[in-house]
Protein backbone atom coordinates (compact mmCIF):
# COMPACT_ATOMS: atom_id res chain seq x y z
CA MET A 1 1.80 -23.93 -3.92
CA ALA A 2 1.94 -21.92 -7.15
CA PRO A 3 -1.70 -22.58 -8.18
CA ILE A 4 -2.92 -21.79 -4.65
CA LEU A 5 -0.95 -18.53 -4.45
CA SER A 6 -2.05 -17.54 -7.95
CA ARG A 7 -5.71 -18.10 -7.10
CA ALA A 8 -5.37 -16.26 -3.79
CA GLU A 9 -3.73 -13.29 -5.52
CA LYS A 10 -6.55 -13.06 -8.04
CA LYS A 11 -9.13 -13.18 -5.27
CA SER A 12 -7.37 -10.53 -3.18
CA SER A 13 -6.81 -8.19 -6.14
CA SER A 14 -10.52 -8.26 -6.92
CA LEU A 15 -11.16 -6.67 -3.53
CA GLY A 16 -9.41 -3.47 -4.61
CA VAL A 17 -6.79 -1.49 -2.72
CA GLY A 18 -9.17 0.06 -0.19
CA SER A 19 -8.14 2.42 2.58
CA VAL A 20 -5.24 1.61 4.89
CA GLU A 21 -7.67 1.57 7.84
CA LYS A 22 -9.74 -1.17 6.17
CA GLN A 23 -6.67 -3.23 5.34
CA TRP A 24 -5.27 -2.90 8.87
CA ALA A 25 -8.56 -3.75 10.58
CA SER A 26 -9.39 -6.67 8.29
CA LEU A 27 -5.97 -8.28 8.69
CA ALA A 28 -5.88 -7.77 12.47
CA ALA A 29 -9.34 -9.31 12.85
CA PHE A 30 -8.40 -12.29 10.65
CA VAL A 31 -5.19 -13.01 12.57
CA GLY A 32 -6.81 -12.30 15.95
CA ILE A 33 -9.55 -14.93 15.70
CA PRO A 34 -7.97 -18.13 17.12
CA LEU A 35 -9.17 -20.65 14.56
CA PRO A 36 -7.32 -23.19 12.36
CA GLY A 37 -5.99 -21.51 9.24
CA THR A 38 -5.65 -18.06 10.79
CA GLY A 39 -2.55 -16.67 12.45
CA ALA A 40 0.64 -14.76 11.71
CA TRP A 41 1.86 -16.96 8.83
CA THR A 42 -1.42 -16.78 6.92
CA GLY A 43 -1.74 -13.10 7.76
CA ALA A 44 1.74 -12.39 6.36
CA MET A 45 0.82 -14.10 3.09
CA GLY A 46 -2.41 -12.10 2.93
CA ALA A 47 -0.54 -8.84 3.53
CA PHE A 48 1.86 -9.71 0.71
CA LEU A 49 -0.95 -10.50 -1.71
CA LEU A 50 -2.71 -7.23 -0.84
CA GLY A 51 0.51 -5.27 -1.35
CA MET A 52 0.36 -3.76 2.15
CA PRO A 53 3.34 -1.65 3.31
CA THR A 54 5.62 -3.63 5.62
CA ALA A 55 5.18 -1.40 8.69
CA LEU A 56 1.38 -1.46 8.34
CA ALA A 57 1.32 -5.24 7.95
CA ILE A 58 3.61 -5.84 10.96
CA THR A 59 1.53 -3.68 13.34
CA SER A 60 -1.70 -5.29 12.13
CA ILE A 61 -0.37 -8.85 12.47
CA PHE A 62 1.12 -8.06 15.89
CA THR A 63 -2.24 -6.71 17.08
CA GLY A 64 -3.95 -9.85 15.79
CA VAL A 65 -1.48 -12.22 17.47
CA LEU A 66 -1.75 -10.29 20.74
CA SER A 67 -5.56 -10.42 20.54
CA ALA A 68 -5.54 -14.16 19.87
CA GLY A 69 -3.34 -14.69 22.93
CA ILE A 70 -5.64 -12.58 25.10
CA ILE A 71 -8.73 -14.42 23.87
CA MET A 72 -7.26 -17.87 24.56
CA SER A 73 -5.93 -16.76 27.97
CA ALA A 74 -9.35 -15.33 28.85
CA ILE A 75 -11.07 -18.58 27.85
CA THR A 76 -8.58 -20.62 29.91
CA LEU A 77 -8.82 -18.45 33.01
CA ALA A 78 -12.42 -17.21 32.91
CA GLY A 79 -14.20 -19.69 30.68
CA LYS A 80 -16.79 -18.80 28.06
CA LYS A 81 -17.55 -15.36 29.55
CA GLY A 82 -13.91 -14.35 29.48
CA GLY A 83 -13.56 -15.44 25.87
CA ILE A 84 -16.65 -13.50 24.83
CA ALA A 85 -15.37 -10.38 26.61
CA ALA A 86 -11.96 -10.61 24.93
CA LEU A 87 -13.54 -11.25 21.52
CA THR A 88 -15.77 -8.22 22.03
CA GLY A 89 -12.66 -6.14 22.67
CA LEU A 90 -11.13 -7.32 19.39
CA VAL A 91 -14.33 -6.47 17.51
CA LEU A 92 -14.37 -2.99 19.04
CA VAL A 93 -10.72 -2.24 18.19
CA THR A 94 -10.89 -3.47 14.61
CA GLY A 95 -14.40 -2.08 14.14
CA VAL A 96 -13.30 1.47 14.94
CA GLU A 97 -10.52 1.30 12.37
CA PHE A 98 -12.84 -0.25 9.79
CA ILE A 99 -15.43 2.48 10.31
CA LYS A 100 -12.71 5.08 9.78
CA GLY A 101 -11.99 3.46 6.44
CA GLU A 102 -15.69 3.48 5.56
CA LYS A 103 -15.95 7.23 5.98
CA GLU A 104 -15.47 8.52 2.48
CA THR A 105 -14.71 12.12 1.69
CA LYS A 106 -15.63 13.61 -1.62
CA GLN A 107 -12.74 12.92 -3.97
CA ASP A 108 -12.63 16.22 -5.81
CA PHE A 109 -10.26 18.27 -3.69
CA LEU A 110 -7.57 18.21 -6.40
CA GLU A 111 -9.85 19.09 -9.32
CA ALA A 112 -9.55 22.32 -11.31
CA GLU A 113 -12.29 24.91 -11.02
CA PRO A 114 -13.74 25.11 -13.57
CA TYR A 115 -12.78 21.61 -14.71
CA TYR A 116 -11.31 22.81 -18.04
CA ASP A 117 -8.98 25.38 -16.44
CA GLN A 118 -5.37 24.44 -17.19
CA SER A 119 -3.68 27.30 -15.33
CA SER A 120 -3.05 25.21 -12.23
CA VAL A 121 -1.35 22.27 -13.98
CA PRO A 122 1.88 21.60 -12.00
CA VAL A 123 4.89 21.81 -14.32
CA ASN A 124 8.59 21.58 -13.44
CA VAL A 125 7.82 21.60 -9.73
CA TYR A 126 11.38 20.53 -8.94
CA LYS A 127 14.66 20.94 -10.83
CA ASN A 128 17.62 18.63 -11.47
CA LYS A 129 19.85 20.58 -9.09
CA SER A 130 17.25 20.62 -6.32
CA PRO A 131 15.26 17.37 -6.71
CA PHE A 132 12.53 16.08 -4.47
CA THR A 133 13.15 12.96 -2.39
CA GLY A 134 10.13 10.70 -1.97
CA LYS A 135 9.67 7.58 0.14
CA VAL A 136 8.95 4.22 -1.44
CA VAL A 137 6.18 2.63 0.64
CA SER A 138 5.34 -0.38 -1.53
CA THR A 139 6.97 -2.38 -4.31
CA LYS A 140 5.06 -5.29 -5.83
CA ARG A 141 5.94 -7.50 -8.77
CA ILE A 142 2.97 -7.51 -11.16
CA VAL A 143 4.07 -10.11 -13.70
CA GLY A 144 4.25 -13.88 -13.42
CA PRO A 145 7.41 -15.85 -12.63
CA LYS A 146 7.80 -16.90 -16.28
CA ALA A 147 7.37 -13.41 -17.73
CA THR A 148 10.18 -11.82 -19.69
CA GLY A 149 11.85 -9.27 -17.46
CA GLU A 150 10.49 -7.90 -14.20
CA THR A 151 7.78 -5.24 -13.92
CA CYS A 152 6.91 -3.76 -10.54
CA HIS A 153 4.18 -1.46 -9.23
CA ILE A 154 5.92 1.09 -7.01
CA VAL A 155 4.01 3.40 -4.66
CA ILE A 156 5.86 6.56 -3.59
CA ASP A 157 4.82 8.81 -0.72
CA HIS A 158 5.33 12.51 -1.51
CA ASN A 159 3.22 13.85 1.39
CA GLY A 160 1.31 16.09 -1.00
CA ASP A 161 4.43 18.12 -1.84
CA PHE A 162 4.78 16.82 -5.43
CA PRO A 163 1.42 17.38 -7.14
CA TYR A 164 0.76 16.07 -10.64
CA TRP A 165 -2.03 15.49 -13.11
CA GLU A 166 -2.92 12.42 -15.12
CA GLY A 167 -0.72 11.98 -18.20
CA GLN A 168 2.34 13.59 -16.64
CA SER A 169 5.71 11.98 -15.88
CA TRP A 170 8.13 12.00 -13.01
CA GLY A 171 11.80 12.48 -13.70
CA VAL A 172 13.89 10.05 -11.66
CA ILE A 173 17.60 10.63 -11.05
CA PRO A 174 19.46 7.37 -10.32
CA PRO A 175 21.98 7.60 -7.48
CA GLY A 176 25.73 7.53 -8.10
CA ILE A 177 27.71 8.51 -11.17
CA ARG A 178 28.19 7.15 -14.68
CA GLU A 179 31.16 4.82 -15.08
CA LYS A 180 32.18 6.15 -18.49
CA ASP A 181 32.75 9.79 -17.49
CA GLY A 182 32.17 10.09 -13.73
CA LYS A 183 29.25 12.50 -14.18
CA PRO A 184 25.87 12.22 -12.42
CA HIS A 185 23.23 10.12 -14.16
CA SER A 186 20.75 11.88 -16.41
CA VAL A 187 17.07 12.20 -15.53
CA ARG A 188 14.90 9.28 -16.62
CA LEU A 189 11.22 9.94 -17.26
CA TYR A 190 8.57 7.51 -16.05
CA SER A 191 4.87 7.94 -16.80
CA ILE A 192 2.83 8.20 -13.61
CA ALA A 193 0.48 5.22 -13.37
CA SER A 194 -1.93 6.54 -10.73
CA SER A 195 -4.44 9.36 -10.80
CA ARG A 196 -3.58 12.64 -9.08
CA TYR A 197 -5.12 11.22 -5.91
CA GLY A 198 -2.71 8.28 -5.73
CA ASP A 199 -3.56 4.66 -5.00
CA ASP A 200 -4.88 5.51 -1.54
CA MET A 201 -6.97 8.50 -2.74
CA THR A 202 -5.28 10.90 -0.29
CA GLY A 203 -3.43 12.96 -2.88
CA LYS A 204 -0.18 12.19 -1.07
CA THR A 205 1.15 9.25 -3.09
CA GLY A 206 1.95 8.43 -6.68
CA SER A 207 2.62 5.16 -8.48
CA LEU A 208 5.02 4.05 -11.18
CA CYS A 209 5.00 0.81 -13.14
CA VAL A 210 8.65 0.12 -13.91
CA ARG A 211 10.16 -2.65 -16.00
CA ARG A 212 13.70 -3.66 -15.16
CA ALA A 213 15.84 -3.71 -18.28
CA THR A 214 18.31 -6.58 -18.65
CA TYR A 215 21.13 -6.62 -21.19
C-alpha cells in the first residue's frame, strides 16, 4: 500500500489546498456517486491526503453516503427516472458549494497602504501573562515514514484576532510547569510558515511547521 498512498499523496498535493467549499463539494460528490471504488472508505483516505479538517471531512463524507443511498433507493423504487432525479439533486447541492469556492475575492485586504508603510506591522499583540488561545484545525505529517524525527504542518485558527506579517514568529507557551523548578514553561518562538492570509486565504488562520525533538 505504501507506493499507492505515496503516489496518491503526490497527486492530491498537486491540486493545491483550495477553498473549504471546493474540498467539501468535491469529496461529497465523489463519495455520493454509487460506483465501484467510491464510498466512505475511499473518501476518508482522500480527506486525509488533502489534509482536510476532521469535522469538514465527516460532514462531506456523510452527505456523500446519504446521497448514494438516496440515488440507489430512487433507482430501485422509481427506475431510471428516479435515479436521474436523485443524481440531479446531488449535482445541485455540491454544485452550489463548488461555485461558492470559485468566487474569488481580491486578496489584498491585509496589505499596507501604501505597500511600503510599516506603521501597521503587528508587534507584541499578546503578552505572556495574557496569551491568545488559538484552535488547531489541522495537523499533517509532512515527512516520510523513514525520515529522522517528525515534522508536521499545523494550521491554527485565530479568527482574525492574531494578525501577523510574513517573516514574523508566534510565541508558543507549552502547558504545565517545568519539572526542575515548578515554574511555567518559557515562550518558544516558531516562525510562521504561511502568508498573512493563512492557508485558506481568509486571513483567519496561520500555519507552523514544527519538528518534534527527540532526545
